[in-house]
Structure formats: C-alpha cells, structure tokens
Amino acid sequence: MFADDVTIWKVIASDIDSQSLQEDLSSLTRLSSKWLLKLNPSKCNVVHAGHRLGTIYHLNGDTGNNSIIEQITEVKDLGVHLTDHLKSSTQC
C-alpha cells in the first residue's frame, strides 16, 4: 500500500447500503480536499463483486461537478486479482 492509495470495501445488500457508501465517498472527498490531497477521479474504479444492483457512484468535485466513478470487472491490488464474479481463475 502506498500513502496515496485508498481502498473502500462495503457489503451492499440494499439501496440503503449503496447510499451509505456514496455518503462515505462524499466524506472522503471533503476530507481529502480539506487536507489538500485531491482525488483523481480518472484513477478511481468500482468493482461490483457478487451483486448486480447497478449502482453508479460519483465523486463530488470542488467546483460542484460530479465525476462518475468507472465500473470495471477486474482490479489488481497488491498483486491479487479481484473480479466481479469472485472466481480465482485469473489469479492462477
């Protein structure tokens, strides 16, 4: 893990959970702006692992614009592949 890397993990079982995650992202954006550590939306991704609610998340910018966080099906973090279907075949 690097000083500028952040990973947020949350179990999403309902729309309320999705709203809670969006609130967490908004809080993270506010906190990072306060400490002058701006987030780069183009480097942010969402992997919906194990559910298909189709929620779209966004980051709130300082100028009031919202950037939609790109949805991907696979991410590699610290050498471990995580896929949306949670199968380990890509890791092997």
PDB file of N, CA and C in Angstrom:
ATOM      1  N   MET A   1       0.844  -1.178   0.000  1.00  0.00           N
ATOM      2  CA  MET A   1       0.000   0.000   0.000  1.00  0.00           C
ATOM      3  C   MET A   1       0.889   1.242   0.000  1.00  0.00           C
ATOM      4  N   PHE A   2       0.480   2.208  -0.735  1.00  0.00           N
ATOM      5  CA  PHE A   2       1.207   3.469  -0.807  1.00  0.00           C
ATOM      6  C   PHE A   2       0.433   4.547  -0.056  1.00  0.00           C
ATOM      7  N   ALA A   3       1.086   5.616   0.243  1.00  0.00           N
ATOM      8  CA  ALA A   3       0.462   6.687   1.016  1.00  0.00           C
ATOM      9  C   ALA A   3      -0.707   7.323   0.270  1.00  0.00           C
ATOM     10  N   ASP A   4      -0.713   7.226  -1.043  1.00  0.00           N
ATOM     11  CA  ASP A   4      -1.778   7.866  -1.795  1.00  0.00           C
ATOM     12  C   ASP A   4      -2.813   6.870  -2.325  1.00  0.00           C
ATOM     13  N   ASP A   5      -2.815   5.643  -1.823  1.00  0.00           N
ATOM     14  CA  ASP A   5      -3.795   4.636  -2.233  1.00  0.00           C
ATOM     15  C   ASP A   5      -4.874   4.493  -1.167  1.00  0.00           C
ATOM     16  N   VAL A   6      -6.106   4.378  -1.622  1.00  0.00           N
ATOM     17  CA  VAL A   6      -7.231   4.163  -0.717  1.00  0.00           C
ATOM     18  C   VAL A   6      -8.107   3.077  -1.315  1.00  0.00           C
ATOM     19  N   THR A   7      -8.505   2.126  -0.482  1.00  0.00           N
ATOM     20  CA  THR A   7      -9.444   1.096  -0.898  1.00  0.00           C
ATOM     21  C   THR A   7     -10.609   1.111   0.071  1.00  0.00           C
ATOM     22  N   ILE A   8     -11.807   1.211  -0.466  1.00  0.00           N
ATOM     23  CA  ILE A   8     -13.014   1.163   0.359  1.00  0.00           C
ATOM     24  C   ILE A   8     -13.762  -0.100  -0.012  1.00  0.00           C
ATOM     25  N   TRP A   9     -14.127  -0.865   0.984  1.00  0.00           N
ATOM     26  CA  TRP A   9     -14.853  -2.112   0.782  1.00  0.00           C
ATOM     27  C   TRP A   9     -16.115  -2.059   1.621  1.00  0.00           C
ATOM     28  N   LYS A  10     -17.248  -2.378   1.014  1.00  0.00           N
ATOM     29  CA  LYS A  10     -18.507  -2.367   1.759  1.00  0.00           C
ATOM     30  C   LYS A  10     -19.430  -3.426   1.180  1.00  0.00           C
ATOM     31  N   VAL A  11     -20.082  -4.160   2.049  1.00  0.00           N
ATOM     32  CA  VAL A  11     -21.081  -5.134   1.616  1.00  0.00           C
ATOM     33  C   VAL A  11     -22.339  -4.370   1.236  1.00  0.00           C
ATOM     34  N   ILE A  12     -22.811  -4.581   0.007  1.00  0.00           N
ATOM     35  CA  ILE A  12     -24.002  -3.896  -0.492  1.00  0.00           C
ATOM     36  C   ILE A  12     -25.114  -4.933  -0.638  1.00  0.00           C
ATOM     37  N   ALA A  13     -26.106  -4.841   0.222  1.00  0.00           N
ATOM     38  CA  ALA A  13     -27.228  -5.768   0.171  1.00  0.00           C
ATOM     39  C   ALA A  13     -28.529  -5.063  -0.206  1.00  0.00           C
ATOM     40  N   SER A  14     -28.520  -3.741  -0.178  1.00  0.00           N
ATOM     41  CA  SER A  14     -29.741  -2.991  -0.479  1.00  0.00           C
ATOM     42  C   SER A  14     -29.365  -1.593  -0.971  1.00  0.00           C
ATOM     43  N   ASP A  15     -30.380  -0.856  -1.378  1.00  0.00           N
ATOM     44  CA  ASP A  15     -30.153   0.526  -1.819  1.00  0.00           C
ATOM     45  C   ASP A  15     -29.652   1.404  -0.677  1.00  0.00           C
ATOM     46  N   ILE A  16     -30.049   1.094   0.542  1.00  0.00           N
ATOM     47  CA  ILE A  16     -29.586   1.867   1.702  1.00  0.00           C
ATOM     48  C   ILE A  16     -28.083   1.718   1.869  1.00  0.00           C
ATOM     49  N   ASP A  17     -27.566   0.499   1.638  1.00  0.00           N
ATOM     50  CA  ASP A  17     -26.125   0.270   1.705  1.00  0.00           C
ATOM     51  C   ASP A  17     -25.400   1.066   0.618  1.00  0.00           C
ATOM     52  N   SER A  18     -25.993   1.134  -0.560  1.00  0.00           N
ATOM     53  CA  SER A  18     -25.403   1.914  -1.656  1.00  0.00           C
ATOM     54  C   SER A  18     -25.356   3.392  -1.306  1.00  0.00           C
ATOM     55  N   GLN A  19     -26.415   3.898  -0.708  1.00  0.00           N
ATOM     56  CA  GLN A  19     -26.452   5.297  -0.297  1.00  0.00           C
ATOM     57  C   GLN A  19     -25.402   5.575   0.776  1.00  0.00           C
ATOM     58  N   SER A  20     -25.223   4.621   1.674  1.00  0.00           N
ATOM     59  CA  SER A  20     -24.226   4.769   2.727  1.00  0.00           C
ATOM     60  C   SER A  20     -22.815   4.829   2.148  1.00  0.00           C
ATOM     61  N   LEU A  21     -22.546   3.986   1.156  1.00  0.00           N
ATOM     62  CA  LEU A  21     -21.236   4.016   0.500  1.00  0.00           C
ATOM     63  C   LEU A  21     -21.028   5.344  -0.220  1.00  0.00           C
ATOM     64  N   GLN A  22     -22.060   5.866  -0.873  1.00  0.00           N
ATOM     65  CA  GLN A  22     -21.940   7.156  -1.545  1.00  0.00           C
ATOM     66  C   GLN A  22     -21.657   8.258  -0.531  1.00  0.00           C
ATOM     67  N   GLU A  23     -22.281   8.197   0.637  1.00  0.00           N
ATOM     68  CA  GLU A  23     -22.007   9.177   1.691  1.00  0.00           C
ATOM     69  C   GLU A  23     -20.561   9.069   2.172  1.00  0.00           C
ATOM     70  N   ASP A  24     -20.050   7.830   2.266  1.00  0.00           N
ATOM     71  CA  ASP A  24     -18.649   7.635   2.654  1.00  0.00           C
ATOM     72  C   ASP A  24     -17.710   8.239   1.614  1.00  0.00           C
ATOM     73  N   LEU A  25     -18.025   8.049   0.339  1.00  0.00           N
ATOM     74  CA  LEU A  25     -17.210   8.634  -0.728  1.00  0.00           C
ATOM     75  C   LEU A  25     -17.241  10.158  -0.669  1.00  0.00           C
ATOM     76  N   SER A  26     -18.403  10.714  -0.400  1.00  0.00           N
ATOM     77  CA  SER A  26     -18.519  12.175  -0.288  1.00  0.00           C
ATOM     78  C   SER A  26     -17.710  12.696   0.895  1.00  0.00           C
ATOM     79  N   SER A  27     -17.757  11.974   2.014  1.00  0.00           N
ATOM     80  CA  SER A  27     -16.967  12.369   3.188  1.00  0.00           C
ATOM     81  C   SER A  27     -15.478  12.288   2.897  1.00  0.00           C
ATOM     82  N   LEU A  28     -15.070  11.228   2.201  1.00  0.00           N
ATOM     83  CA  LEU A  28     -13.666  11.076   1.826  1.00  0.00           C
ATOM     84  C   LEU A  28     -13.215  12.221   0.919  1.00  0.00           C
ATOM     85  N   THR A  29     -14.067  12.614  -0.012  1.00  0.00           N
ATOM     86  CA  THR A  29     -13.746  13.722  -0.915  1.00  0.00           C
ATOM     87  C   THR A  29     -13.575  15.029  -0.138  1.00  0.00           C
ATOM     88  N   ARG A  30     -14.494  15.287   0.795  1.00  0.00           N
ATOM     89  CA  ARG A  30     -14.392  16.507   1.612  1.00  0.00           C
ATOM     90  C   ARG A  30     -13.126  16.502   2.461  1.00  0.00           C
ATOM     91  N   LEU A  31     -12.829  15.367   3.085  1.00  0.00           N
ATOM     92  CA  LEU A  31     -11.647  15.272   3.936  1.00  0.00           C
ATOM     93  C   LEU A  31     -10.371  15.438   3.125  1.00  0.00           C
ATOM     94  N   SER A  32     -10.315  14.814   1.963  1.00  0.00           N
ATOM     95  CA  SER A  32      -9.104  14.937   1.140  1.00  0.00           C
ATOM     96  C   SER A  32      -8.919  16.374   0.641  1.00  0.00           C
ATOM     97  N   SER A  33     -10.008  17.054   0.329  1.00  0.00           N
ATOM     98  CA  SER A  33      -9.892  18.458  -0.099  1.00  0.00           C
ATOM     99  C   SER A  33      -9.423  19.342   1.050  1.00  0.00           C
ATOM    100  N   LYS A  34      -9.921  19.046   2.248  1.00  0.00           N
ATOM    101  CA  LYS A  34      -9.523  19.816   3.425  1.00  0.00           C
ATOM    102  C   LYS A  34      -8.017  19.714   3.660  1.00  0.00           C
ATOM    103  N   TRP A  35      -7.454  18.541   3.434  1.00  0.00           N
ATOM    104  CA  TRP A  35      -6.034  18.312   3.651  1.00  0.00           C
ATOM    105  C   TRP A  35      -5.211  18.505   2.375  1.00  0.00           C
ATOM    106  N   LEU A  36      -5.842  19.108   1.344  1.00  0.00           N
ATOM    107  CA  LEU A  36      -5.195  19.416   0.068  1.00  0.00           C
ATOM    108  C   LEU A  36      -4.615  18.174  -0.620  1.00  0.00           C
ATOM    109  N   LEU A  37      -5.312  17.047  -0.478  1.00  0.00           N
ATOM    110  CA  LEU A  37      -4.950  15.795  -1.137  1.00  0.00           C
ATOM    111  C   LEU A  37      -6.103  15.413  -2.061  1.00  0.00           C
ATOM    112  N   LYS A  38      -6.168  16.071  -3.175  1.00  0.00           N
ATOM    113  CA  LYS A  38      -7.308  15.894  -4.071  1.00  0.00           C
ATOM    114  C   LYS A  38      -7.287  14.515  -4.729  1.00  0.00           C
ATOM    115  N   LEU A  39      -8.467  13.940  -4.847  1.00  0.00           N
ATOM    116  CA  LEU A  39      -8.619  12.647  -5.500  1.00  0.00           C
ATOM    117  C   LEU A  39      -8.673  12.830  -7.010  1.00  0.00           C
ATOM    118  N   ASN A  40      -8.113  11.884  -7.722  1.00  0.00           N
ATOM    119  CA  ASN A  40      -8.140  11.903  -9.177  1.00  0.00           C
ATOM    120  C   ASN A  40      -9.222  10.927  -9.640  1.00  0.00           C
ATOM    121  N   PRO A  41     -10.385  11.416 -10.075  1.00  0.00           N
ATOM    122  CA  PRO A  41     -11.486  10.524 -10.465  1.00  0.00           C
ATOM    123  C   PRO A  41     -11.128   9.560 -11.591  1.00  0.00           C
ATOM    124  N   SER A  42     -10.180   9.931 -12.452  1.00  0.00           N
ATOM    125  CA  SER A  42      -9.817   9.042 -13.553  1.00  0.00           C
ATOM    126  C   SER A  42      -9.041   7.816 -13.069  1.00  0.00           C
ATOM    127  N   LYS A  43      -8.542   7.852 -11.846  1.00  0.00           N
ATOM    128  CA  LYS A  43      -7.835   6.707 -11.280  1.00  0.00           C
ATOM    129  C   LYS A  43      -8.703   5.922 -10.302  1.00  0.00           C
ATOM    130  N   CYS A  44      -9.969   6.286 -10.176  1.00  0.00           N
ATOM    131  CA  CYS A  44     -10.885   5.607  -9.266  1.00  0.00           C
ATOM    132  C   CYS A  44     -11.723   4.592 -10.025  1.00  0.00           C
ATOM    133  N   ASN A  45     -11.983   3.443  -9.397  1.00  0.00           N
ATOM    134  CA  ASN A  45     -12.759   2.379 -10.025  1.00  0.00           C
ATOM    135  C   ASN A  45     -13.710   1.753  -9.015  1.00  0.00           C
ATOM    136  N   VAL A  46     -14.763   1.139  -9.549  1.00  0.00           N
ATOM    137  CA  VAL A  46     -15.717   0.379  -8.747  1.00  0.00           C
ATOM    138  C   VAL A  46     -15.791  -1.018  -9.319  1.00  0.00           C
ATOM    139  N   VAL A  47     -15.694  -2.017  -8.435  1.00  0.00           N
ATOM    140  CA  VAL A  47     -15.924  -3.403  -8.827  1.00  0.00           C
ATOM    141  C   VAL A  47     -17.110  -3.897  -8.020  1.00  0.00           C
ATOM    142  N   HIS A  48     -18.187  -4.229  -8.703  1.00  0.00           N
ATOM    143  CA  HIS A  48     -19.357  -4.803  -8.035  1.00  0.00           C
ATOM    144  C   HIS A  48     -19.120  -6.298  -7.909  1.00  0.00           C
ATOM    145  N   ALA A  49     -18.611  -6.732  -6.781  1.00  0.00           N
ATOM    146  CA  ALA A  49     -18.265  -8.136  -6.584  1.00  0.00           C
ATOM    147  C   ALA A  49     -19.428  -8.888  -5.948  1.00  0.00           C
ATOM    148  N   GLY A  50     -20.056  -9.735  -6.726  1.00  0.00           N
ATOM    149  CA  GLY A  50     -21.083 -10.609  -6.186  1.00  0.00           C
ATOM    150  C   GLY A  50     -22.499 -10.071  -6.175  1.00  0.00           C
ATOM    151  N   HIS A  51     -22.731  -8.870  -6.650  1.00  0.00           N
ATOM    152  CA  HIS A  51     -24.108  -8.366  -6.727  1.00  0.00           C
ATOM    153  C   HIS A  51     -24.305  -7.592  -8.021  1.00  0.00           C
ATOM    154  N   ARG A  52     -25.537  -7.385  -8.368  1.00  0.00           N
ATOM    155  CA  ARG A  52     -25.860  -6.727  -9.645  1.00  0.00           C
ATOM    156  C   ARG A  52     -26.877  -5.596  -9.455  1.00  0.00           C
ATOM    157  N   LEU A  53     -26.713  -4.780  -8.433  1.00  0.00           N
ATOM    158  CA  LEU A  53     -27.645  -3.674  -8.224  1.00  0.00           C
ATOM    159  C   LEU A  53     -27.467  -2.573  -9.260  1.00  0.00           C
ATOM    160  N   GLY A  54     -26.305  -2.485  -9.874  1.00  0.00           N
ATOM    161  CA  GLY A  54     -26.088  -1.482 -10.919  1.00  0.00           C
ATOM    162  C   GLY A  54     -25.990  -0.057 -10.413  1.00  0.00           C
ATOM    163  N   THR A  55     -25.562   0.106  -9.187  1.00  0.00           N
ATOM    164  CA  THR A  55     -25.441   1.439  -8.602  1.00  0.00           C
ATOM    165  C   THR A  55     -24.282   2.196  -9.246  1.00  0.00           C
ATOM    166  N   ILE A  56     -24.493   3.466  -9.504  1.00  0.00           N
ATOM    167  CA  ILE A  56     -23.458   4.334 -10.046  1.00  0.00           C
ATOM    168  C   ILE A  56     -23.003   5.268  -8.928  1.00  0.00           C
ATOM    169  N   TYR A  57     -21.701   5.308  -8.711  1.00  0.00           N
ATOM    170  CA  TYR A  57     -21.137   6.158  -7.669  1.00  0.00           C
ATOM    171  C   TYR A  57     -20.392   7.314  -8.317  1.00  0.00           C
ATOM    172  N   HIS A  58     -20.254   8.402  -7.572  1.00  0.00           N
ATOM    173  CA  HIS A  58     -19.565   9.573  -8.096  1.00  0.00           C
ATOM    174  C   HIS A  58     -18.769  10.267  -7.000  1.00  0.00           C
ATOM    175  N   LEU A  59     -17.801  11.056  -7.438  1.00  0.00           N
ATOM    176  CA  LEU A  59     -17.018  11.891  -6.544  1.00  0.00           C
ATOM    177  C   LEU A  59     -17.443  13.329  -6.751  1.00  0.00           C
ATOM    178  N   ASN A  60     -17.619  14.046  -5.670  1.00  0.00           N
ATOM    179  CA  ASN A  60     -18.004  15.458  -5.731  1.00  0.00           C
ATOM    180  C   ASN A  60     -16.756  16.309  -5.843  1.00  0.00           C
ATOM    181  N   GLY A  61     -16.695  17.102  -6.892  1.00  0.00           N
ATOM    182  CA  GLY A  61     -15.535  17.976  -7.088  1.00  0.00           C
ATOM    183  C   GLY A  61     -15.683  19.280  -6.342  1.00  0.00           C
ATOM    184  N   ASP A  62     -14.572  20.001  -6.211  1.00  0.00           N
ATOM    185  CA  ASP A  62     -14.579  21.297  -5.526  1.00  0.00           C
ATOM    186  C   ASP A  62     -15.442  22.324  -6.242  1.00  0.00           C
ATOM    187  N   THR A  63     -15.510  22.216  -7.558  1.00  0.00           N
ATOM    188  CA  THR A  63     -16.259  23.200  -8.334  1.00  0.00           C
ATOM    189  C   THR A  63     -17.738  22.834  -8.456  1.00  0.00           C
ATOM    190  N   GLY A  64     -18.165  21.795  -7.720  1.00  0.00           N
ATOM    191  CA  GLY A  64     -19.564  21.405  -7.763  1.00  0.00           C
ATOM    192  C   GLY A  64     -19.889  20.366  -8.813  1.00  0.00           C
ATOM    193  N   ASN A  65     -18.904  19.995  -9.624  1.00  0.00           N
ATOM    194  CA  ASN A  65     -19.176  18.981 -10.647  1.00  0.00           C
ATOM    195  C   ASN A  65     -18.958  17.584 -10.065  1.00  0.00           C
ATOM    196  N   ASN A  66     -19.754  16.641 -10.527  1.00  0.00           N
ATOM    197  CA  ASN A  66     -19.657  15.263 -10.071  1.00  0.00           C
ATOM    198  C   ASN A  66     -19.010  14.424 -11.156  1.00  0.00           C
ATOM    199  N   SER A  67     -18.042  13.609 -10.763  1.00  0.00           N
ATOM    200  CA  SER A  67     -17.392  12.702 -11.689  1.00  0.00           C
ATOM    201  C   SER A  67     -17.866  11.293 -11.395  1.00  0.00           C
ATOM    202  N   ILE A  68     -18.391  10.626 -12.407  1.00  0.00           N
ATOM    203  CA  ILE A  68     -18.843   9.255 -12.239  1.00  0.00           C
ATOM    204  C   ILE A  68     -17.624   8.354 -12.143  1.00  0.00           C
ATOM    205  N   ILE A  69     -17.622   7.453 -11.168  1.00  0.00           N
ATOM    206  CA  ILE A  69     -16.523   6.512 -10.985  1.00  0.00           C
ATOM    207  C   ILE A  69     -16.741   5.346 -11.941  1.00  0.00           C
ATOM    208  N   GLU A  70     -15.720   5.041 -12.718  1.00  0.00           N
ATOM    209  CA  GLU A  70     -15.807   3.993 -13.733  1.00  0.00           C
ATOM    210  C   GLU A  70     -15.997   2.617 -13.089  1.00  0.00           C
ATOM    211  N   GLN A  71     -16.912   1.827 -13.665  1.00  0.00           N
ATOM    212  CA  GLN A  71     -17.116   0.456 -13.222  1.00  0.00           C
ATOM    213  C   GLN A  71     -16.243  -0.476 -14.051  1.00  0.00           C
ATOM    214  N   ILE A  72     -15.511  -1.343 -13.369  1.00  0.00           N
ATOM    215  CA  ILE A  72     -14.667  -2.321 -14.050  1.00  0.00           C
ATOM    216  C   ILE A  72     -15.015  -3.714 -13.534  1.00  0.00           C
ATOM    217  N   THR A  73     -14.566  -4.746 -14.251  1.00  0.00           N
ATOM    218  CA  THR A  73     -14.887  -6.117 -13.851  1.00  0.00           C
ATOM    219  C   THR A  73     -13.732  -6.796 -13.131  1.00  0.00           C
ATOM    220  N   GLU A  74     -12.543  -6.211 -13.184  1.00  0.00           N
ATOM    221  CA  GLU A  74     -11.379  -6.811 -12.530  1.00  0.00           C
ATOM    222  C   GLU A  74     -10.409  -5.732 -12.100  1.00  0.00           C
ATOM    223  N   VAL A  75      -9.815  -5.919 -10.919  1.00  0.00           N
ATOM    224  CA  VAL A  75      -8.807  -4.988 -10.424  1.00  0.00           C
ATOM    225  C   VAL A  75      -7.678  -5.805  -9.800  1.00  0.00           C
ATOM    226  N   LYS A  76      -6.463  -5.308  -9.935  1.00  0.00           N
ATOM    227  CA  LYS A  76      -5.306  -5.948  -9.313  1.00  0.00           C
ATOM    228  C   LYS A  76      -4.819  -5.024  -8.214  1.00  0.00           C
ATOM    229  N   ASP A  77      -4.807  -5.518  -6.982  1.00  0.00           N
ATOM    230  CA  ASP A  77      -4.395  -4.720  -5.835  1.00  0.00           C
ATOM    231  C   ASP A  77      -3.376  -5.523  -5.034  1.00  0.00           C
ATOM    232  N   LEU A  78      -2.176  -4.995  -4.913  1.00  0.00           N
ATOM    233  CA  LEU A  78      -1.079  -5.668  -4.217  1.00  0.00           C
ATOM    234  C   LEU A  78      -0.829  -7.063  -4.764  1.00  0.00           C
ATOM    235  N   GLY A  79      -0.964  -7.226  -6.074  1.00  0.00           N
ATOM    236  CA  GLY A  79      -0.684  -8.487  -6.724  1.00  0.00           C
ATOM    237  C   GLY A  79      -1.820  -9.489  -6.716  1.00  0.00           C
ATOM    238  N   VAL A  80      -2.947  -9.125  -6.124  1.00  0.00           N
ATOM    239  CA  VAL A  80      -4.101 -10.025  -6.054  1.00  0.00           C
ATOM    240  C   VAL A  80      -5.166  -9.521  -7.019  1.00  0.00           C
ATOM    241  N   HIS A  81      -5.667 -10.424  -7.858  1.00  0.00           N
ATOM    242  CA  HIS A  81      -6.726 -10.078  -8.801  1.00  0.00           C
ATOM    243  C   HIS A  81      -8.078 -10.283  -8.128  1.00  0.00           C
ATOM    244  N   LEU A  82      -8.927  -9.269  -8.178  1.00  0.00           N
ATOM    245  CA  LEU A  82     -10.298  -9.369  -7.688  1.00  0.00           C
ATOM    246  C   LEU A  82     -11.216  -9.142  -8.868  1.00  0.00           C
ATOM    247  N   THR A  83     -12.110 -10.092  -9.117  1.00  0.00           N
ATOM    248  CA  THR A  83     -13.036  -9.983 -10.233  1.00  0.00           C
ATOM    249  C   THR A  83     -14.460  -9.839  -9.718  1.00  0.00           C
ATOM    250  N   ASP A  84     -15.341  -9.386 -10.593  1.00  0.00           N
ATOM    251  CA  ASP A  84     -16.728  -9.207 -10.187  1.00  0.00           C
ATOM    252  C   ASP A  84     -17.445 -10.535  -9.961  1.00  0.00           C
ATOM    253  N   HIS A  85     -16.948 -11.620 -10.515  1.00  0.00           N
ATOM    254  CA  HIS A  85     -17.590 -12.922 -10.309  1.00  0.00           C
ATOM    255  C   HIS A  85     -16.912 -13.714  -9.187  1.00  0.00           C
ATOM    256  N   LEU A  86     -15.880 -13.171  -8.569  1.00  0.00           N
ATOM    257  CA  LEU A  86     -15.192 -13.734  -7.418  1.00  0.00           C
ATOM    258  C   LEU A  86     -14.564 -15.096  -7.664  1.00  0.00           C
ATOM    259  N   LYS A  87     -14.223 -15.401  -8.904  1.00  0.00           N
ATOM    260  CA  LYS A  87     -13.544 -16.656  -9.222  1.00  0.00           C
ATOM    261  C   LYS A  87     -12.040 -16.416  -9.204  1.00  0.00           C
ATOM    262  N   SER A  88     -11.305 -17.411  -8.805  1.00  0.00           N
ATOM    263  CA  SER A  88      -9.854 -17.252  -8.671  1.00  0.00           C
ATOM    264  C   SER A  88      -9.086 -17.633  -9.930  1.00  0.00           C
ATOM    265  N   SER A  89      -9.759 -17.915 -11.039  1.00  0.00           N
ATOM    266  CA  SER A  89      -9.088 -18.374 -12.250  1.00  0.00           C
ATOM    267  C   SER A  89      -8.095 -17.354 -12.803  1.00  0.00           C
ATOM    268  N   THR A  90      -8.339 -16.070 -12.656  1.00  0.00           N
ATOM    269  CA  THR A  90      -7.399 -15.068 -13.160  1.00  0.00           C
ATOM    270  C   THR A  90      -6.152 -14.989 -12.284  1.00  0.00           C
ATOM    271  N   GLN A  91      -6.262 -15.386 -11.032  1.00  0.00           N
ATOM    272  CA  GLN A  91      -5.121 -15.347 -10.117  1.00  0.00           C
ATOM    273  C   GLN A  91      -4.135 -16.467 -10.417  1.00  0.00           C
ATOM    274  N   CYS A  92      -4.625 -17.599 -10.865  1.00  0.00           N
ATOM    275  CA  CYS A  92      -3.766 -18.788 -11.058  1.00  0.00           C
ATOM    276  C   CYS A  92      -2.917 -18.676 -12.264  1.00  0.00           C
TER     277      CYS A  92
END
